[in-house]
Amino acid sequence: MLEKGSTRLATAVNSKDFNDVGTAELLVTAANAKLSVLKAQLLDN
């Protein structure tokens, strides 16, 4: 998810498609949140 969001963000910025920037931002934000949860779970174990 993070890779897809990063790729979409780069593509959107290069093409100046600012509608897709929002979608890419959501993907990256969701992936980062998921990584934070996984990190916390790993630290607890």
N, C-alpha and C. Protein backbone atom coordinates (compact mmCIF):
# COMPACT_ATOMS: atom_id res chain seq x y z
N MET A 1 0.83 -1.18 0.00
CA MET A 1 0.00 0.00 0.00
C MET A 1 0.88 1.26 0.00
N LEU A 2 1.93 1.21 0.78
CA LEU A 2 2.82 2.38 0.84
C LEU A 2 3.50 2.62 -0.50
N GLU A 3 3.95 1.54 -1.13
CA GLU A 3 4.61 1.68 -2.43
C GLU A 3 3.63 2.22 -3.48
N LYS A 4 2.41 1.70 -3.47
CA LYS A 4 1.40 2.17 -4.43
C LYS A 4 1.08 3.64 -4.21
N GLY A 5 0.92 4.03 -2.95
CA GLY A 5 0.64 5.43 -2.64
C GLY A 5 1.78 6.35 -3.05
N SER A 6 3.01 5.91 -2.79
CA SER A 6 4.17 6.71 -3.17
C SER A 6 4.28 6.86 -4.68
N THR A 7 4.02 5.77 -5.40
CA THR A 7 4.06 5.81 -6.86
C THR A 7 2.98 6.73 -7.40
N ARG A 8 1.78 6.60 -6.86
CA ARG A 8 0.67 7.46 -7.32
C ARG A 8 0.96 8.93 -7.02
N LEU A 9 1.56 9.18 -5.86
CA LEU A 9 1.87 10.56 -5.49
C LEU A 9 2.90 11.14 -6.46
N ALA A 10 3.94 10.39 -6.76
CA ALA A 10 4.96 10.88 -7.70
C ALA A 10 4.35 11.12 -9.08
N THR A 11 3.51 10.21 -9.54
CA THR A 11 2.87 10.36 -10.85
C THR A 11 1.95 11.58 -10.86
N ALA A 12 1.18 11.75 -9.79
CA ALA A 12 0.25 12.88 -9.71
C ALA A 12 0.99 14.21 -9.69
N VAL A 13 2.07 14.27 -8.95
CA VAL A 13 2.85 15.51 -8.88
C VAL A 13 3.48 15.82 -10.24
N ASN A 14 4.04 14.80 -10.88
CA ASN A 14 4.67 15.01 -12.19
C ASN A 14 3.66 15.46 -13.24
N SER A 15 2.44 14.93 -13.17
CA SER A 15 1.42 15.30 -14.16
C SER A 15 0.57 16.48 -13.70
N LYS A 16 0.84 16.96 -12.49
CA LYS A 16 0.10 18.07 -11.88
C LYS A 16 -1.39 17.77 -11.76
N ASP A 17 -1.70 16.48 -11.51
CA ASP A 17 -3.09 16.05 -11.28
C ASP A 17 -3.34 16.07 -9.78
N PHE A 18 -3.79 17.22 -9.30
CA PHE A 18 -3.91 17.41 -7.86
C PHE A 18 -5.09 16.67 -7.25
N ASN A 19 -6.02 16.19 -8.07
CA ASN A 19 -7.09 15.35 -7.54
C ASN A 19 -6.52 14.01 -7.09
N ASP A 20 -5.58 13.48 -7.85
CA ASP A 20 -4.98 12.19 -7.50
C ASP A 20 -4.00 12.32 -6.35
N VAL A 21 -3.50 13.51 -6.10
CA VAL A 21 -2.61 13.73 -4.96
C VAL A 21 -3.33 13.38 -3.67
N GLY A 22 -4.59 13.77 -3.56
CA GLY A 22 -5.38 13.46 -2.37
C GLY A 22 -5.54 11.97 -2.16
N THR A 23 -5.80 11.25 -3.24
CA THR A 23 -5.94 9.80 -3.16
C THR A 23 -4.62 9.16 -2.73
N ALA A 24 -3.54 9.61 -3.32
CA ALA A 24 -2.22 9.09 -2.97
C ALA A 24 -1.89 9.38 -1.51
N GLU A 25 -2.24 10.57 -1.07
CA GLU A 25 -1.99 10.94 0.33
C GLU A 25 -2.75 10.03 1.28
N LEU A 26 -3.99 9.70 0.94
CA LEU A 26 -4.77 8.78 1.77
C LEU A 26 -4.11 7.40 1.85
N LEU A 27 -3.62 6.91 0.72
CA LEU A 27 -2.96 5.60 0.71
C LEU A 27 -1.70 5.61 1.58
N VAL A 28 -0.90 6.65 1.44
CA VAL A 28 0.34 6.75 2.22
C VAL A 28 0.03 6.89 3.71
N THR A 29 -0.95 7.71 4.04
CA THR A 29 -1.33 7.90 5.44
C THR A 29 -1.85 6.61 6.06
N ALA A 30 -2.69 5.89 5.32
CA ALA A 30 -3.22 4.62 5.81
C ALA A 30 -2.10 3.59 6.00
N ALA A 31 -1.17 3.55 5.07
CA ALA A 31 -0.05 2.62 5.17
C ALA A 31 0.82 2.95 6.37
N ASN A 32 1.07 4.22 6.60
CA ASN A 32 1.88 4.63 7.75
C ASN A 32 1.18 4.29 9.06
N ALA A 33 -0.13 4.46 9.11
CA ALA A 33 -0.88 4.10 10.31
C ALA A 33 -0.79 2.60 10.57
N LYS A 34 -0.92 1.83 9.51
CA LYS A 34 -0.82 0.37 9.64
C LYS A 34 0.57 -0.03 10.12
N LEU A 35 1.60 0.60 9.59
CA LEU A 35 2.96 0.32 10.03
C LEU A 35 3.16 0.67 11.50
N SER A 36 2.56 1.75 11.95
CA SER A 36 2.67 2.15 13.35
C SER A 36 2.04 1.11 14.27
N VAL A 37 0.89 0.59 13.87
CA VAL A 37 0.22 -0.45 14.65
C VAL A 37 1.08 -1.70 14.71
N LEU A 38 1.62 -2.10 13.56
CA LEU A 38 2.47 -3.29 13.52
C LEU A 38 3.73 -3.11 14.37
N LYS A 39 4.31 -1.93 14.33
CA LYS A 39 5.50 -1.65 15.14
C LYS A 39 5.18 -1.77 16.62
N ALA A 40 4.05 -1.21 17.03
CA ALA A 40 3.65 -1.29 18.44
C ALA A 40 3.43 -2.74 18.86
N GLN A 41 2.82 -3.52 17.98
CA GLN A 41 2.60 -4.94 18.29
C GLN A 41 3.92 -5.69 18.42
N LEU A 42 4.86 -5.39 17.55
CA LEU A 42 6.17 -6.04 17.63
C LEU A 42 6.90 -5.68 18.91
N LEU A 43 6.80 -4.43 19.32
CA LEU A 43 7.47 -3.99 20.54
C LEU A 43 6.84 -4.62 21.78
N ASP A 44 5.54 -4.90 21.72
CA ASP A 44 4.85 -5.52 22.85
C ASP A 44 5.23 -6.99 23.01
N ASN A 45 5.63 -7.61 21.92
CA ASN A 45 5.96 -9.05 21.97
C ASN A 45 7.39 -9.21 22.23
